[in-house]
Amino acid sequence: MNTNIFYKPIKIKLKTYLASKKSYGKLTLVNLKKDLPFKTSRIFFSYNVHKNFSRGGHAHKKNHQCIIAVSGRLLIHTINIKKKIKNFLLNRPNIALIIPKNTWTELKNYSRDCICLVLASGNYNETEYIRNKKLYL
């Protein structure tokens, strides 16, 4: 993955391997050095999110994120630093969304079985968040 500065969210396809026997299923991997344009410092996941509830609703001053719907589906609403609005549907475990810093992000419309995995470039720090959408815009 190109490590140049990026300013808009992008979808990437992750490498998936098929097992020699169907019963073994599939294996999808994230090569942290090759697939992501940032170093990962923190990993977290959310699940059992009510379909009418949104998560996120903020931007990060310094941190980048990679979001994967490991199971189920969710919609990600973004506004980048150039004020371009874009929605992304994540519904396959081999598709990831790279969210650069300074991107307003809202996760919504979770399916009942959704497990959302997030790989982040920095540890949690409340002062690093932009939580006021009016100030962001």
C-alpha atoms as a PDB file:
ATOM      1  CA  MET A   1       0.000   0.000   0.000  1.00  0.00           C
ATOM      2  CA  ASN A   2       1.277   3.434  -0.863  1.00  0.00           C
ATOM      3  CA  THR A   3       2.223   5.312   2.299  1.00  0.00           C
ATOM      4  CA  ASN A   4       1.846   8.791   0.789  1.00  0.00           C
ATOM      5  CA  ILE A   5      -0.428  11.197   2.634  1.00  0.00           C
ATOM      6  CA  PHE A   6      -4.025  10.452   1.741  1.00  0.00           C
ATOM      7  CA  TYR A   7      -7.123  12.565   2.289  1.00  0.00           C
ATOM      8  CA  LYS A   8     -10.124  10.472   1.300  1.00  0.00           C
ATOM      9  CA  PRO A   9     -11.488   7.128   2.481  1.00  0.00           C
ATOM     10  CA  ILE A  10     -10.660   4.221   0.199  1.00  0.00           C
ATOM     11  CA  LYS A  11     -11.848   0.625   0.000  1.00  0.00           C
ATOM     12  CA  ILE A  12      -9.240  -2.092  -0.297  1.00  0.00           C
ATOM     13  CA  LYS A  13      -9.631  -5.793  -1.033  1.00  0.00           C
ATOM     14  CA  LEU A  14      -7.903  -8.114   1.407  1.00  0.00           C
ATOM     15  CA  LYS A  15      -6.253 -11.357   0.361  1.00  0.00           C
ATOM     16  CA  THR A  16      -8.519 -14.377   0.903  1.00  0.00           C
ATOM     17  CA  TYR A  17      -7.381 -17.966   0.724  1.00  0.00           C
ATOM     18  CA  LEU A  18      -9.653 -20.904   0.043  1.00  0.00           C
ATOM     19  CA  ALA A  19      -8.961 -24.058   2.012  1.00  0.00           C
ATOM     20  CA  SER A  20      -8.288 -27.283   0.154  1.00  0.00           C
ATOM     21  CA  LYS A  21     -11.473 -28.698   1.658  1.00  0.00           C
ATOM     22  CA  LYS A  22     -14.733 -26.724   1.778  1.00  0.00           C
ATOM     23  CA  SER A  23     -15.225 -27.618   5.425  1.00  0.00           C
ATOM     24  CA  TYR A  24     -12.073 -25.675   6.301  1.00  0.00           C
ATOM     25  CA  GLY A  25     -13.705 -22.460   5.108  1.00  0.00           C
ATOM     26  CA  LYS A  26     -11.820 -19.348   4.043  1.00  0.00           C
ATOM     27  CA  LEU A  27      -9.004 -17.328   5.566  1.00  0.00           C
ATOM     28  CA  THR A  28      -8.751 -13.561   5.050  1.00  0.00           C
ATOM     29  CA  LEU A  29      -5.708 -11.699   6.268  1.00  0.00           C
ATOM     30  CA  VAL A  30      -4.539  -8.142   6.765  1.00  0.00           C
ATOM     31  CA  ASN A  31      -0.835  -7.730   6.079  1.00  0.00           C
ATOM     32  CA  LEU A  32      -0.187  -4.794   8.396  1.00  0.00           C
ATOM     33  CA  LYS A  33       2.928  -3.606   6.566  1.00  0.00           C
ATOM     34  CA  LYS A  34       1.650  -4.152   3.016  1.00  0.00           C
ATOM     35  CA  ASP A  35      -2.122  -3.502   3.123  1.00  0.00           C
ATOM     36  CA  LEU A  36      -2.292  -0.505   5.458  1.00  0.00           C
ATOM     37  CA  PRO A  37      -0.760   2.936   4.852  1.00  0.00           C
ATOM     38  CA  PHE A  38      -0.129   3.352   8.588  1.00  0.00           C
ATOM     39  CA  LYS A  39       1.332   1.487  11.550  1.00  0.00           C
ATOM     40  CA  THR A  40      -1.325  -0.206  13.701  1.00  0.00           C
ATOM     41  CA  SER A  41      -1.188   0.532  17.438  1.00  0.00           C
ATOM     42  CA  ARG A  42      -4.669  -0.496  18.572  1.00  0.00           C
ATOM     43  CA  ILE A  43      -7.315  -3.019  17.562  1.00  0.00           C
ATOM     44  CA  PHE A  44     -10.912  -3.060  18.793  1.00  0.00           C
ATOM     45  CA  PHE A  45     -14.267  -4.376  17.670  1.00  0.00           C
ATOM     46  CA  SER A  46     -17.928  -3.601  18.260  1.00  0.00           C
ATOM     47  CA  TYR A  47     -20.898  -5.942  18.112  1.00  0.00           C
ATOM     48  CA  ASN A  48     -24.521  -6.178  19.269  1.00  0.00           C
ATOM     49  CA  VAL A  49     -25.048  -2.592  18.091  1.00  0.00           C
ATOM     50  CA  HIS A  50     -28.755  -1.804  17.727  1.00  0.00           C
ATOM     51  CA  LYS A  51     -29.729  -1.122  14.103  1.00  0.00           C
ATOM     52  CA  ASN A  52     -31.058   2.363  14.972  1.00  0.00           C
ATOM     53  CA  PHE A  53     -27.893   3.369  16.826  1.00  0.00           C
ATOM     54  CA  SER A  54     -24.867   5.130  15.309  1.00  0.00           C
ATOM     55  CA  ARG A  55     -21.269   4.852  16.451  1.00  0.00           C
ATOM     56  CA  GLY A  56     -18.427   7.197  15.671  1.00  0.00           C
ATOM     57  CA  GLY A  57     -19.744  10.684  15.039  1.00  0.00           C
ATOM     58  CA  HIS A  58     -16.265  12.171  15.180  1.00  0.00           C
ATOM     59  CA  ALA A  59     -12.998  12.718  13.322  1.00  0.00           C
ATOM     60  CA  HIS A  60      -9.446  12.108  14.491  1.00  0.00           C
ATOM     61  CA  LYS A  61      -6.786  14.798  14.436  1.00  0.00           C
ATOM     62  CA  LYS A  62      -3.885  12.342  13.996  1.00  0.00           C
ATOM     63  CA  ASN A  63      -5.158   8.775  13.828  1.00  0.00           C
ATOM     64  CA  HIS A  64      -6.002   6.718  10.757  1.00  0.00           C
ATOM     65  CA  GLN A  65      -8.301   3.690  10.886  1.00  0.00           C
ATOM     66  CA  CYS A  66      -9.068   0.566   8.900  1.00  0.00           C
ATOM     67  CA  ILE A  67     -12.639  -0.727   9.333  1.00  0.00           C
ATOM     68  CA  ILE A  68     -13.765  -4.251   8.427  1.00  0.00           C
ATOM     69  CA  ALA A  69     -17.215  -5.829   8.764  1.00  0.00           C
ATOM     70  CA  VAL A  70     -15.974  -9.248   9.831  1.00  0.00           C
ATOM     71  CA  SER A  71     -19.583 -10.451   9.954  1.00  0.00           C
ATOM     72  CA  GLY A  72     -22.834  -8.846   8.816  1.00  0.00           C
ATOM     73  CA  ARG A  73     -22.978  -5.353   7.347  1.00  0.00           C
ATOM     74  CA  LEU A  74     -22.919  -1.668   8.227  1.00  0.00           C
ATOM     75  CA  LEU A  75     -22.982   1.686   6.464  1.00  0.00           C
ATOM     76  CA  ILE A  76     -20.172   4.187   6.970  1.00  0.00           C
ATOM     77  CA  HIS A  77     -20.921   7.857   6.304  1.00  0.00           C
ATOM     78  CA  THR A  78     -17.815  10.000   5.764  1.00  0.00           C
ATOM     79  CA  ILE A  79     -16.955  13.635   5.137  1.00  0.00           C
ATOM     80  CA  ASN A  80     -13.326  14.257   4.168  1.00  0.00           C
ATOM     81  CA  ILE A  81     -11.220  17.378   4.656  1.00  0.00           C
ATOM     82  CA  LYS A  82     -12.309  18.648   1.238  1.00  0.00           C
ATOM     83  CA  LYS A  83     -15.954  18.388   2.475  1.00  0.00           C
ATOM     84  CA  LYS A  84     -16.743  15.533   0.085  1.00  0.00           C
ATOM     85  CA  ILE A  85     -19.520  13.305   1.460  1.00  0.00           C
ATOM     86  CA  LYS A  86     -19.431   9.593   0.699  1.00  0.00           C
ATOM     87  CA  ASN A  87     -21.209   6.507   2.030  1.00  0.00           C
ATOM     88  CA  PHE A  88     -19.646   3.053   2.058  1.00  0.00           C
ATOM     89  CA  LEU A  89     -21.431  -0.242   2.587  1.00  0.00           C
ATOM     90  CA  LEU A  90     -19.242  -2.863   4.224  1.00  0.00           C
ATOM     91  CA  ASN A  91     -20.756  -6.326   3.915  1.00  0.00           C
ATOM     92  CA  ARG A  92     -17.880  -8.697   3.100  1.00  0.00           C
ATOM     93  CA  PRO A  93     -15.037  -9.671   5.443  1.00  0.00           C
ATOM     94  CA  ASN A  94     -12.430  -9.306   2.699  1.00  0.00           C
ATOM     95  CA  ILE A  95     -13.201  -5.626   2.055  1.00  0.00           C
ATOM     96  CA  ALA A  96     -11.728  -2.953   4.318  1.00  0.00           C
ATOM     97  CA  LEU A  97     -12.274   0.791   4.447  1.00  0.00           C
ATOM     98  CA  ILE A  98      -9.253   2.978   5.148  1.00  0.00           C
ATOM     99  CA  ILE A  99     -10.266   6.157   6.992  1.00  0.00           C
ATOM    100  CA  PRO A 100      -7.565   8.857   7.011  1.00  0.00           C
ATOM    101  CA  LYS A 101      -7.146  11.352   9.822  1.00  0.00           C
ATOM    102  CA  ASN A 102      -9.406  14.409   9.718  1.00  0.00           C
ATOM    103  CA  THR A 103     -12.302  12.422   8.205  1.00  0.00           C
ATOM    104  CA  TRP A 104     -15.698  12.768   9.887  1.00  0.00           C
ATOM    105  CA  THR A 105     -17.015   9.227  10.309  1.00  0.00           C
ATOM    106  CA  GLU A 106     -20.376   7.802  11.383  1.00  0.00           C
ATOM    107  CA  LEU A 107     -21.061   4.054  11.488  1.00  0.00           C
ATOM    108  CA  LYS A 108     -24.746   3.176  11.182  1.00  0.00           C
ATOM    109  CA  ASN A 109     -27.361   0.686   9.973  1.00  0.00           C
ATOM    110  CA  TYR A 110     -25.654  -2.264  11.649  1.00  0.00           C
ATOM    111  CA  SER A 111     -27.135  -5.655  10.806  1.00  0.00           C
ATOM    112  CA  ARG A 112     -28.009  -7.786  13.803  1.00  0.00           C
ATOM    113  CA  ASP A 113     -25.020 -10.085  13.198  1.00  0.00           C
ATOM    114  CA  CYS A 114     -22.481  -7.328  12.490  1.00  0.00           C
ATOM    115  CA  ILE A 115     -19.034  -7.533  14.028  1.00  0.00           C
ATOM    116  CA  CYS A 116     -17.040  -4.426  13.162  1.00  0.00           C
ATOM    117  CA  LEU A 117     -13.249  -4.681  13.501  1.00  0.00           C
ATOM    118  CA  VAL A 118     -11.159  -1.501  13.651  1.00  0.00           C
ATOM    119  CA  LEU A 119      -7.383  -1.232  13.312  1.00  0.00           C
ATOM    120  CA  ALA A 120      -6.185   2.182  14.477  1.00  0.00           C
ATOM    121  CA  SER A 121      -2.880   4.000  14.119  1.00  0.00           C
ATOM    122  CA  GLY A 122      -2.881   5.380  17.660  1.00  0.00           C
ATOM    123  CA  ASN A 123      -3.939   4.572  21.174  1.00  0.00           C
ATOM    124  CA  TYR A 124      -7.079   6.090  22.673  1.00  0.00           C
ATOM    125  CA  ASN A 125      -6.614   9.756  23.602  1.00  0.00           C
ATOM    126  CA  GLU A 126      -9.735  11.897  24.100  1.00  0.00           C
ATOM    127  CA  THR A 127      -7.887  15.114  23.142  1.00  0.00           C
ATOM    128  CA  GLU A 128      -7.224  13.606  19.704  1.00  0.00           C
ATOM    129  CA  TYR A 129     -10.940  13.508  18.813  1.00  0.00           C
ATOM    130  CA  ILE A 130     -12.984  16.166  16.988  1.00  0.00           C
ATOM    131  CA  ARG A 131     -16.502  15.580  18.320  1.00  0.00           C
ATOM    132  CA  ASN A 132     -18.266  18.796  17.280  1.00  0.00           C
ATOM    133  CA  LYS A 133     -19.464  18.400  13.696  1.00  0.00           C
ATOM    134  CA  LYS A 134     -20.166  22.132  13.290  1.00  0.00           C
ATOM    135  CA  LEU A 135     -16.564  22.956  14.245  1.00  0.00           C
ATOM    136  CA  TYR A 136     -15.298  20.241  11.903  1.00  0.00           C
ATOM    137  CA  LEU A 137     -17.241  21.583   8.918  1.00  0.00           C
END
